[in-house]
Amino acid sequence: MDFGPDAKKEIAPARDAATVLLLRDGPGGFEVFMVKRSGLSDVLGEAHVFPGGKIDAADSSPAMLARVEGIDALDIGALGEDLPAARAAGMFVAAARETFEEAGVLLARGLKGDVSAARARLNAKEPFAEVLASIDARLDADALAPWVRWVTPTLLARRFDARFFLARAPADQIAVHDDYEATHSEWLTPRAAIARWQRDEIKLAPPTYMSLQHLALFESIGAAFADARARRPPVIQPVGFEVDGVRTLALPGDERHDLRQPAIPGPRRLRFDGARYVPV
């Protein structure tokens, strides 16, 4: 999601997107998989992000939904949105597809073929449904837990309506970046990622930074999932304004935001310091 300085007068529509916080247990506590976007990317170039991207029409197609295990029992209401069933299911599909594209991890059941070759075919733009059929796999959408929803502020030219999901990384798969959209990847504890951002070693967009702050409150993956399963995802749309000429974002709970109740833990206001948004 782009929170850069490019603004426009007309409000641009927000493009549907899905983002996945892929989690695993580590020696210093649970970790989240992060990729560093290519500097050539027109969205968050060189920033550390979670795997994710835009939702495609094919994610909701009958052929694609036929490759989702337990599609009839999928809890699409967990998104907390009033959407047609196919479109809502497509959000889960997009989350799984982006995780496979950008992290090489397939949240699926079956997996009787060459998963690495299947990823290569997907990245070569072969339809996801056909890729799954080629290895006799069915998506495990229940592995994804809707967690939070970020909507880009209206003052920006490029806007996304991004649904963030939690997912536990399968123990028998190795996550690795695609070396195209992302040039580097690593597993980091939420606190370690924040510490590196504070030292100016990595770039984080506001939704990524706030998600890490939120994750850092949990002692285990199970606790994070319990939080996600116990509520509907809060919607966070920052409000942009200026204070003494400095660009500032108000989040729910801030006095400048329409929603006076905090939506997630963490700071209520972020200020642009010339290079990044930092907590006020």
C-alpha atoms as a PDB file:
ATOM      1  CA  MET A   1       0.000   0.000   0.000  1.00  0.00           C
ATOM      2  CA  ASP A   2       1.436   3.345  -1.060  1.00  0.00           C
ATOM      3  CA  PHE A   3       1.547   6.092   1.585  1.00  0.00           C
ATOM      4  CA  GLY A   4       3.944   8.344  -0.305  1.00  0.00           C
ATOM      5  CA  PRO A   5       3.566  12.072  -0.950  1.00  0.00           C
ATOM      6  CA  ASP A   6       1.864  11.959  -4.369  1.00  0.00           C
ATOM      7  CA  ALA A   7      -1.558  13.559  -3.896  1.00  0.00           C
ATOM      8  CA  LYS A   8      -4.316  14.460  -6.337  1.00  0.00           C
ATOM      9  CA  LYS A   9      -7.499  16.511  -6.132  1.00  0.00           C
ATOM     10  CA  GLU A  10      -9.984  13.866  -7.289  1.00  0.00           C
ATOM     11  CA  ILE A  11     -10.474  10.870  -5.041  1.00  0.00           C
ATOM     12  CA  ALA A  12      -9.191   7.746  -6.771  1.00  0.00           C
ATOM     13  CA  PRO A  13     -11.049   4.447  -6.233  1.00  0.00           C
ATOM     14  CA  ALA A  14      -9.374   1.979  -3.882  1.00  0.00           C
ATOM     15  CA  ARG A  15      -8.269  -1.249  -5.594  1.00  0.00           C
ATOM     16  CA  ASP A  16      -9.074  -4.492  -3.735  1.00  0.00           C
ATOM     17  CA  ALA A  17      -5.935  -6.197  -2.407  1.00  0.00           C
ATOM     18  CA  ALA A  18      -4.889  -9.008  -0.069  1.00  0.00           C
ATOM     19  CA  THR A  19      -1.873  -9.221   2.238  1.00  0.00           C
ATOM     20  CA  VAL A  20      -0.680 -12.190   4.306  1.00  0.00           C
ATOM     21  CA  LEU A  21       1.283 -12.191   7.534  1.00  0.00           C
ATOM     22  CA  LEU A  22       2.917 -15.611   7.289  1.00  0.00           C
ATOM     23  CA  LEU A  23       3.971 -16.770  10.763  1.00  0.00           C
ATOM     24  CA  ARG A  24       6.250 -19.467  12.160  1.00  0.00           C
ATOM     25  CA  ASP A  25       7.755 -20.331  15.529  1.00  0.00           C
ATOM     26  CA  GLY A  26      11.389 -19.300  15.986  1.00  0.00           C
ATOM     27  CA  PRO A  27      14.067 -19.579  18.682  1.00  0.00           C
ATOM     28  CA  GLY A  28      13.459 -16.013  19.867  1.00  0.00           C
ATOM     29  CA  GLY A  29       9.706 -16.092  19.584  1.00  0.00           C
ATOM     30  CA  PHE A  30       7.367 -16.334  16.620  1.00  0.00           C
ATOM     31  CA  GLU A  31       8.468 -14.711  13.382  1.00  0.00           C
ATOM     32  CA  VAL A  32       6.781 -13.133  10.373  1.00  0.00           C
ATOM     33  CA  PHE A  33       7.972 -13.515   6.790  1.00  0.00           C
ATOM     34  CA  MET A  34       8.928 -10.263   5.084  1.00  0.00           C
ATOM     35  CA  VAL A  35      10.117  -9.504   1.580  1.00  0.00           C
ATOM     36  CA  LYS A  36      12.018  -6.471   0.346  1.00  0.00           C
ATOM     37  CA  ARG A  37      10.360  -5.067  -2.754  1.00  0.00           C
ATOM     38  CA  SER A  38      12.439  -4.320  -5.807  1.00  0.00           C
ATOM     39  CA  GLY A  39      13.605  -0.753  -6.198  1.00  0.00           C
ATOM     40  CA  LEU A  40      12.002  -0.825  -9.649  1.00  0.00           C
ATOM     41  CA  SER A  41       8.553  -1.357  -8.151  1.00  0.00           C
ATOM     42  CA  ASP A  42       6.122   1.541  -8.537  1.00  0.00           C
ATOM     43  CA  VAL A  43       4.579   0.674  -5.145  1.00  0.00           C
ATOM     44  CA  LEU A  44       6.733   0.751  -1.994  1.00  0.00           C
ATOM     45  CA  GLY A  45      10.013   0.236  -3.805  1.00  0.00           C
ATOM     46  CA  GLU A  46      12.759  -1.175  -1.503  1.00  0.00           C
ATOM     47  CA  ALA A  47      10.367  -1.370   1.452  1.00  0.00           C
ATOM     48  CA  HIS A  48      10.011  -4.463   3.636  1.00  0.00           C
ATOM     49  CA  VAL A  49       6.450  -5.733   3.244  1.00  0.00           C
ATOM     50  CA  PHE A  50       4.325  -8.808   3.776  1.00  0.00           C
ATOM     51  CA  PRO A  51       3.466 -10.868   0.673  1.00  0.00           C
ATOM     52  CA  GLY A  52       0.428  -9.437  -1.064  1.00  0.00           C
ATOM     53  CA  GLY A  53      -1.030  -7.789  -4.097  1.00  0.00           C
ATOM     54  CA  LYS A  54      -4.114  -6.862  -6.072  1.00  0.00           C
ATOM     55  CA  ILE A  55      -7.156  -9.110  -6.283  1.00  0.00           C
ATOM     56  CA  ASP A  56      -7.885 -10.405  -9.787  1.00  0.00           C
ATOM     57  CA  ALA A  57     -11.256 -11.239 -11.330  1.00  0.00           C
ATOM     58  CA  ALA A  58     -10.056 -14.835 -11.834  1.00  0.00           C
ATOM     59  CA  ASP A  59      -9.751 -15.240  -8.048  1.00  0.00           C
ATOM     60  CA  SER A  60     -13.561 -15.418  -7.879  1.00  0.00           C
ATOM     61  CA  SER A  61     -14.141 -17.517 -10.995  1.00  0.00           C
ATOM     62  CA  PRO A  62     -16.073 -20.817 -10.767  1.00  0.00           C
ATOM     63  CA  ALA A  63     -12.986 -22.729 -11.932  1.00  0.00           C
ATOM     64  CA  MET A  64     -10.891 -21.179  -9.177  1.00  0.00           C
ATOM     65  CA  LEU A  65     -13.432 -21.607  -6.389  1.00  0.00           C
ATOM     66  CA  ALA A  66     -13.783 -25.265  -7.397  1.00  0.00           C
ATOM     67  CA  ARG A  67     -10.162 -25.693  -6.255  1.00  0.00           C
ATOM     68  CA  VAL A  68     -10.902 -24.407  -2.724  1.00  0.00           C
ATOM     69  CA  GLU A  69     -11.302 -27.093  -0.068  1.00  0.00           C
ATOM     70  CA  GLY A  70     -14.558 -26.743   1.870  1.00  0.00           C
ATOM     71  CA  ILE A  71     -15.696 -23.735  -0.137  1.00  0.00           C
ATOM     72  CA  ASP A  72     -19.312 -24.221   0.972  1.00  0.00           C
ATOM     73  CA  ALA A  73     -18.293 -24.048   4.642  1.00  0.00           C
ATOM     74  CA  LEU A  74     -15.850 -21.148   4.256  1.00  0.00           C
ATOM     75  CA  ASP A  75     -16.552 -18.463   6.847  1.00  0.00           C
ATOM     76  CA  ILE A  76     -16.657 -15.506   4.478  1.00  0.00           C
ATOM     77  CA  GLY A  77     -18.478 -13.574   7.187  1.00  0.00           C
ATOM     78  CA  ALA A  78     -15.144 -13.420   9.009  1.00  0.00           C
ATOM     79  CA  LEU A  79     -14.203 -10.623   6.629  1.00  0.00           C
ATOM     80  CA  GLY A  80     -16.865  -8.473   8.268  1.00  0.00           C
ATOM     81  CA  GLU A  81     -18.072  -7.190   4.895  1.00  0.00           C
ATOM     82  CA  ASP A  82     -21.371  -7.417   3.075  1.00  0.00           C
ATOM     83  CA  LEU A  83     -20.075  -8.971  -0.135  1.00  0.00           C
ATOM     84  CA  PRO A  84     -21.367 -11.518  -2.652  1.00  0.00           C
ATOM     85  CA  ALA A  85     -20.159 -14.971  -1.648  1.00  0.00           C
ATOM     86  CA  ALA A  86     -17.941 -15.467  -4.701  1.00  0.00           C
ATOM     87  CA  ARG A  87     -16.246 -12.090  -4.318  1.00  0.00           C
ATOM     88  CA  ALA A  88     -15.630 -12.660  -0.622  1.00  0.00           C
ATOM     89  CA  ALA A  89     -14.183 -16.104  -1.302  1.00  0.00           C
ATOM     90  CA  GLY A  90     -11.969 -14.500  -3.930  1.00  0.00           C
ATOM     91  CA  MET A  91     -10.318 -12.450  -1.170  1.00  0.00           C
ATOM     92  CA  PHE A  92      -9.121 -15.670   0.468  1.00  0.00           C
ATOM     93  CA  VAL A  93      -8.009 -17.043  -2.903  1.00  0.00           C
ATOM     94  CA  ALA A  94      -6.035 -13.879  -3.674  1.00  0.00           C
ATOM     95  CA  ALA A  95      -4.321 -14.070  -0.284  1.00  0.00           C
ATOM     96  CA  ALA A  96      -3.257 -17.666  -0.965  1.00  0.00           C
ATOM     97  CA  ARG A  97      -2.200 -16.875  -4.529  1.00  0.00           C
ATOM     98  CA  GLU A  98      -0.050 -13.921  -3.505  1.00  0.00           C
ATOM     99  CA  THR A  99       1.560 -16.001  -0.749  1.00  0.00           C
ATOM    100  CA  PHE A 100       2.498 -18.614  -3.337  1.00  0.00           C
ATOM    101  CA  GLU A 101       3.720 -16.038  -5.854  1.00  0.00           C
ATOM    102  CA  GLU A 102       5.790 -13.937  -3.471  1.00  0.00           C
ATOM    103  CA  ALA A 103       6.803 -16.404  -0.743  1.00  0.00           C
ATOM    104  CA  GLY A 104       6.680 -19.775  -2.513  1.00  0.00           C
ATOM    105  CA  VAL A 105       4.403 -21.161   0.200  1.00  0.00           C
ATOM    106  CA  LEU A 106       1.225 -22.892  -0.930  1.00  0.00           C
ATOM    107  CA  LEU A 107      -1.578 -22.992   1.631  1.00  0.00           C
ATOM    108  CA  ALA A 108      -3.198 -26.095   0.183  1.00  0.00           C
ATOM    109  CA  ARG A 109      -3.997 -29.748   0.639  1.00  0.00           C
ATOM    110  CA  GLY A 110      -2.833 -32.541  -1.636  1.00  0.00           C
ATOM    111  CA  LEU A 111       0.421 -31.307  -3.164  1.00  0.00           C
ATOM    112  CA  LYS A 112       1.308 -34.411  -5.175  1.00  0.00           C
ATOM    113  CA  GLY A 113       3.491 -32.690  -7.755  1.00  0.00           C
ATOM    114  CA  ASP A 114       6.466 -30.346  -8.042  1.00  0.00           C
ATOM    115  CA  VAL A 115       5.507 -27.278  -6.017  1.00  0.00           C
ATOM    116  CA  SER A 116       8.517 -25.244  -7.219  1.00  0.00           C
ATOM    117  CA  ALA A 117       7.613 -25.890 -10.841  1.00  0.00           C
ATOM    118  CA  ALA A 118       4.011 -24.965 -10.088  1.00  0.00           C
ATOM    119  CA  ARG A 119       5.136 -21.639  -8.655  1.00  0.00           C
ATOM    120  CA  ALA A 120       7.179 -20.955 -11.768  1.00  0.00           C
ATOM    121  CA  ARG A 121       4.108 -21.575 -13.925  1.00  0.00           C
ATOM    122  CA  LEU A 122       2.029 -19.250 -11.759  1.00  0.00           C
ATOM    123  CA  ASN A 123       4.636 -16.506 -12.001  1.00  0.00           C
ATOM    124  CA  ALA A 124       4.615 -17.063 -15.762  1.00  0.00           C
ATOM    125  CA  LYS A 125       0.923 -16.039 -15.641  1.00  0.00           C
ATOM    126  CA  GLU A 126      -0.635 -19.499 -15.966  1.00  0.00           C
ATOM    127  CA  PRO A 127      -4.104 -19.440 -14.316  1.00  0.00           C
ATOM    128  CA  PHE A 128      -3.925 -20.349 -10.631  1.00  0.00           C
ATOM    129  CA  ALA A 129      -6.737 -22.900 -10.964  1.00  0.00           C
ATOM    130  CA  GLU A 130      -4.811 -24.742 -13.677  1.00  0.00           C
ATOM    131  CA  VAL A 131      -1.614 -24.639 -11.645  1.00  0.00           C
ATOM    132  CA  LEU A 132      -3.376 -26.198  -8.654  1.00  0.00           C
ATOM    133  CA  ALA A 133      -4.988 -28.856 -10.838  1.00  0.00           C
ATOM    134  CA  SER A 134      -1.587 -29.806 -12.248  1.00  0.00           C
ATOM    135  CA  ILE A 135      -0.389 -30.855  -8.783  1.00  0.00           C
ATOM    136  CA  ASP A 136      -3.790 -32.112  -7.619  1.00  0.00           C
ATOM    137  CA  ALA A 137      -3.924 -29.472  -4.867  1.00  0.00           C
ATOM    138  CA  ARG A 138      -6.889 -27.716  -3.290  1.00  0.00           C
ATOM    139  CA  LEU A 139      -6.510 -24.425  -1.443  1.00  0.00           C
ATOM    140  CA  ASP A 140      -6.914 -24.553   2.320  1.00  0.00           C
ATOM    141  CA  ALA A 141      -8.693 -21.227   2.750  1.00  0.00           C
ATOM    142  CA  ASP A 142      -9.404 -22.067   6.388  1.00  0.00           C
ATOM    143  CA  ALA A 143      -5.678 -21.602   7.020  1.00  0.00           C
ATOM    144  CA  LEU A 144      -6.225 -17.864   6.513  1.00  0.00           C
ATOM    145  CA  ALA A 145      -7.652 -15.726   9.314  1.00  0.00           C
ATOM    146  CA  PRO A 146      -8.879 -12.211   8.376  1.00  0.00           C
ATOM    147  CA  TRP A 147      -7.154  -9.808  10.757  1.00  0.00           C
ATOM    148  CA  VAL A 148      -7.393  -6.126   9.753  1.00  0.00           C
ATOM    149  CA  ARG A 149      -8.338  -4.005   6.750  1.00  0.00           C
ATOM    150  CA  TRP A 150      -6.347  -0.966   5.617  1.00  0.00           C
ATOM    151  CA  VAL A 151      -7.726   1.592   3.154  1.00  0.00           C
ATOM    152  CA  THR A 152      -5.344   4.131   1.625  1.00  0.00           C
ATOM    153  CA  PRO A 153      -6.129   7.771   2.552  1.00  0.00           C
ATOM    154  CA  THR A 154      -8.256   9.634   0.000  1.00  0.00           C
ATOM    155  CA  LEU A 155      -5.586  12.284  -0.621  1.00  0.00           C
ATOM    156  CA  LEU A 156      -3.313   9.831  -2.460  1.00  0.00           C
ATOM    157  CA  ALA A 157      -3.400   9.062  -6.165  1.00  0.00           C
ATOM    158  CA  ARG A 158      -2.788   5.316  -5.835  1.00  0.00           C
ATOM    159  CA  ARG A 159      -5.204   3.675  -3.400  1.00  0.00           C
ATOM    160  CA  PHE A 160      -5.788   0.131  -2.119  1.00  0.00           C
ATOM    161  CA  ASP A 161      -8.398  -1.542   0.044  1.00  0.00           C
ATOM    162  CA  ALA A 162      -6.177  -4.227   1.538  1.00  0.00           C
ATOM    163  CA  ARG A 163      -7.422  -7.142   3.618  1.00  0.00           C
ATOM    164  CA  PHE A 164      -4.693  -8.435   5.934  1.00  0.00           C
ATOM    165  CA  PHE A 165      -4.767 -12.152   6.820  1.00  0.00           C
ATOM    166  CA  LEU A 166      -2.807 -14.274   9.293  1.00  0.00           C
ATOM    167  CA  ALA A 167      -1.499 -17.688   8.204  1.00  0.00           C
ATOM    168  CA  ARG A 168       0.781 -20.257   9.817  1.00  0.00           C
ATOM    169  CA  ALA A 169       3.600 -21.375   7.516  1.00  0.00           C
ATOM    170  CA  PRO A 170       3.472 -25.103   6.694  1.00  0.00           C
ATOM    171  CA  ALA A 171       6.404 -26.881   8.343  1.00  0.00           C
ATOM    172  CA  ASP A 172       7.267 -28.813   5.177  1.00  0.00           C
ATOM    173  CA  GLN A 173       7.657 -25.768   2.906  1.00  0.00           C
ATOM    174  CA  ILE A 174      10.446 -23.199   2.676  1.00  0.00           C
ATOM    175  CA  ALA A 175       9.501 -19.560   2.153  1.00  0.00           C
ATOM    176  CA  VAL A 176      11.650 -17.633  -0.318  1.00  0.00           C
ATOM    177  CA  HIS A 177      11.126 -14.467  -2.360  1.00  0.00           C
ATOM    178  CA  ASP A 178      10.513 -14.607  -6.109  1.00  0.00           C
ATOM    179  CA  ASP A 179      13.640 -12.571  -7.017  1.00  0.00           C
ATOM    180  CA  TYR A 180      11.500 -10.451  -9.329  1.00  0.00           C
ATOM    181  CA  GLU A 181       9.008  -8.305  -7.441  1.00  0.00           C
ATOM    182  CA  ALA A 182      11.100  -8.900  -4.308  1.00  0.00           C
ATOM    183  CA  THR A 183      14.895  -8.998  -4.084  1.00  0.00           C
ATOM    184  CA  HIS A 184      15.343 -10.254  -0.524  1.00  0.00           C
ATOM    185  CA  SER A 185      13.356 -12.073   2.150  1.00  0.00           C
ATOM    186  CA  GLU A 186      13.772 -12.987   5.787  1.00  0.00           C
ATOM    187  CA  TRP A 187      11.982 -14.164   8.895  1.00  0.00           C
ATOM    188  CA  LEU A 188      11.898 -11.565  11.667  1.00  0.00           C
ATOM    189  CA  THR A 189      10.247 -11.347  15.040  1.00  0.00           C
ATOM    190  CA  PRO A 190       7.921  -8.331  15.110  1.00  0.00           C
ATOM    191  CA  ARG A 191      10.142  -6.613  17.688  1.00  0.00           C
ATOM    192  CA  ALA A 192      13.292  -7.246  15.628  1.00  0.00           C
ATOM    193  CA  ALA A 193      11.672  -5.748  12.529  1.00  0.00           C
ATOM    194  CA  ILE A 194      10.597  -2.652  14.470  1.00  0.00           C
ATOM    195  CA  ALA A 195      14.089  -2.288  15.953  1.00  0.00           C
ATOM    196  CA  ARG A 196      15.662  -2.418  12.488  1.00  0.00           C
ATOM    197  CA  TRP A 197      13.187   0.210  11.278  1.00  0.00           C
ATOM    198  CA  GLN A 198      14.076   2.424  14.238  1.00  0.00           C
ATOM    199  CA  ARG A 199      17.756   2.117  13.255  1.00  0.00           C
ATOM    200  CA  ASP A 200      16.841   3.137   9.685  1.00  0.00           C
ATOM    201  CA  GLU A 201      17.983  -0.226   8.346  1.00  0.00           C
ATOM    202  CA  ILE A 202      14.685  -1.086   6.643  1.00  0.00           C
ATOM    203  CA  LYS A 203      11.721   0.845   5.216  1.00  0.00           C
ATOM    204  CA  LEU A 204       8.192   0.196   6.448  1.00  0.00           C
ATOM    205  CA  ALA A 205       4.907   1.661   5.240  1.00  0.00           C
ATOM    206  CA  PRO A 206       2.457   2.727   7.980  1.00  0.00           C
ATOM    207  CA  PRO A 207       0.222  -0.399   7.686  1.00  0.00           C
ATOM    208  CA  THR A 208       3.284  -2.658   7.927  1.00  0.00           C
ATOM    209  CA  TYR A 209       4.695  -0.751  10.889  1.00  0.00           C
ATOM    210  CA  MET A 210       1.365  -0.744  12.727  1.00  0.00           C
ATOM    211  CA  SER A 211       0.831  -4.457  12.031  1.00  0.00           C
ATOM    212  CA  LEU A 212       4.233  -5.269  13.511  1.00  0.00           C
ATOM    213  CA  GLN A 213       3.410  -3.168  16.577  1.00  0.00           C
ATOM    214  CA  HIS A 214       0.169  -5.112  16.970  1.00  0.00           C
ATOM    215  CA  LEU A 215       1.818  -8.520  16.441  1.00  0.00           C
ATOM    216  CA  ALA A 216       4.491  -7.700  19.012  1.00  0.00           C
ATOM    217  CA  LEU A 217       1.838  -7.755  21.748  1.00  0.00           C
ATOM    218  CA  PHE A 218       1.204 -11.486  21.334  1.00  0.00           C
ATOM    219  CA  GLU A 219       3.260 -14.174  23.012  1.00  0.00           C
ATOM    220  CA  SER A 220       2.485 -16.877  20.451  1.00  0.00           C
ATOM    221  CA  ILE A 221       1.014 -17.572  17.037  1.00  0.00           C
ATOM    222  CA  GLY A 222      -1.938 -19.196  18.757  1.00  0.00           C
ATOM    223  CA  ALA A 223      -2.657 -16.005  20.688  1.00  0.00           C
ATOM    224  CA  ALA A 224      -2.550 -13.926  17.491  1.00  0.00           C
ATOM    225  CA  PHE A 225      -4.953 -16.323  15.771  1.00  0.00           C
ATOM    226  CA  ALA A 226      -7.271 -16.325  18.767  1.00  0.00           C
ATOM    227  CA  ASP A 227      -7.446 -12.538  18.529  1.00  0.00           C
ATOM    228  CA  ALA A 228      -8.200 -12.692  14.813  1.00  0.00           C
ATOM    229  CA  ARG A 229     -10.875 -15.378  15.155  1.00  0.00           C
ATOM    230  CA  ALA A 230     -12.615 -13.587  18.038  1.00  0.00           C
ATOM    231  CA  ARG A 231     -13.571 -10.420  16.143  1.00  0.00           C
ATOM    232  CA  ARG A 232     -14.275  -8.939  12.760  1.00  0.00           C
ATOM    233  CA  PRO A 233     -11.364  -7.081  11.126  1.00  0.00           C
ATOM    234  CA  PRO A 234     -11.338  -3.381  12.016  1.00  0.00           C
ATOM    235  CA  VAL A 235     -11.267  -0.978   9.070  1.00  0.00           C
ATOM    236  CA  ILE A 236      -8.446   1.555   9.227  1.00  0.00           C
ATOM    237  CA  GLN A 237      -8.472   4.497   6.838  1.00  0.00           C
ATOM    238  CA  PRO A 238      -6.005   7.163   7.946  1.00  0.00           C
ATOM    239  CA  VAL A 239      -6.995  10.811   7.630  1.00  0.00           C
ATOM    240  CA  GLY A 240      -4.299  13.042   6.186  1.00  0.00           C
ATOM    241  CA  PHE A 241      -3.679  16.640   7.227  1.00  0.00           C
ATOM    242  CA  GLU A 242      -0.795  19.016   7.895  1.00  0.00           C
ATOM    243  CA  VAL A 243       0.605  20.328  11.155  1.00  0.00           C
ATOM    244  CA  ASP A 244       2.960  23.288  10.665  1.00  0.00           C
ATOM    245  CA  GLY A 245       3.468  22.168   7.080  1.00  0.00           C
ATOM    246  CA  VAL A 246       4.296  18.579   8.054  1.00  0.00           C
ATOM    247  CA  ARG A 247       2.199  15.752   6.550  1.00  0.00           C
ATOM    248  CA  THR A 248       0.445  13.804   9.291  1.00  0.00           C
ATOM    249  CA  LEU A 249      -1.854  10.777   9.423  1.00  0.00           C
ATOM    250  CA  ALA A 250      -4.564  10.397  12.050  1.00  0.00           C
ATOM    251  CA  LEU A 251      -5.681   6.846  12.856  1.00  0.00           C
ATOM    252  CA  PRO A 252      -8.900   5.764  14.613  1.00  0.00           C
ATOM    253  CA  GLY A 253      -8.748   7.031  18.186  1.00  0.00           C
ATOM    254  CA  ASP A 254      -7.044  10.308  17.268  1.00  0.00           C
ATOM    255  CA  GLU A 255      -8.964  13.551  17.802  1.00  0.00           C
ATOM    256  CA  ARG A 256      -8.640  14.406  14.098  1.00  0.00           C
ATOM    257  CA  HIS A 257     -10.206  11.109  12.978  1.00  0.00           C
ATOM    258  CA  ASP A 258     -13.952  10.541  12.560  1.00  0.00           C
ATOM    259  CA  LEU A 259     -13.687   7.299  14.570  1.00  0.00           C
ATOM    260  CA  ARG A 260     -12.831   8.235  18.126  1.00  0.00           C
ATOM    261  CA  GLN A 261     -12.424   4.650  19.357  1.00  0.00           C
ATOM    262  CA  PRO A 262      -9.008   3.055  18.675  1.00  0.00           C
ATOM    263  CA  ALA A 263      -9.201   0.226  16.131  1.00  0.00           C
ATOM    264  CA  ILE A 264      -5.889  -1.482  16.906  1.00  0.00           C
ATOM    265  CA  PRO A 265      -3.147  -1.058  19.517  1.00  0.00           C
ATOM    266  CA  GLY A 266      -0.326   1.371  18.866  1.00  0.00           C
ATOM    267  CA  PRO A 267       0.101   5.079  18.140  1.00  0.00           C
ATOM    268  CA  ARG A 268      -2.890   7.131  17.001  1.00  0.00           C
ATOM    269  CA  ARG A 269      -0.940   9.600  14.866  1.00  0.00           C
ATOM    270  CA  LEU A 270       1.985   9.306  12.447  1.00  0.00           C
ATOM    271  CA  ARG A 271       4.089  12.210  11.164  1.00  0.00           C
ATOM    272  CA  PHE A 272       6.146  12.282   7.941  1.00  0.00           C
ATOM    273  CA  ASP A 273       9.743  13.207   8.822  1.00  0.00           C
ATOM    274  CA  GLY A 274      10.877  13.620   5.242  1.00  0.00           C
ATOM    275  CA  ALA A 275      11.620   9.949   4.657  1.00  0.00           C
ATOM    276  CA  ARG A 276       9.029   7.928   6.567  1.00  0.00           C
ATOM    277  CA  TYR A 277       6.002   8.147   8.825  1.00  0.00           C
ATOM    278  CA  VAL A 278       6.916   7.966  12.520  1.00  0.00           C
ATOM    279  CA  PRO A 279       4.738   7.830  15.648  1.00  0.00           C
ATOM    280  CA  VAL A 280       3.853  11.130  17.278  1.00  0.00           C
END
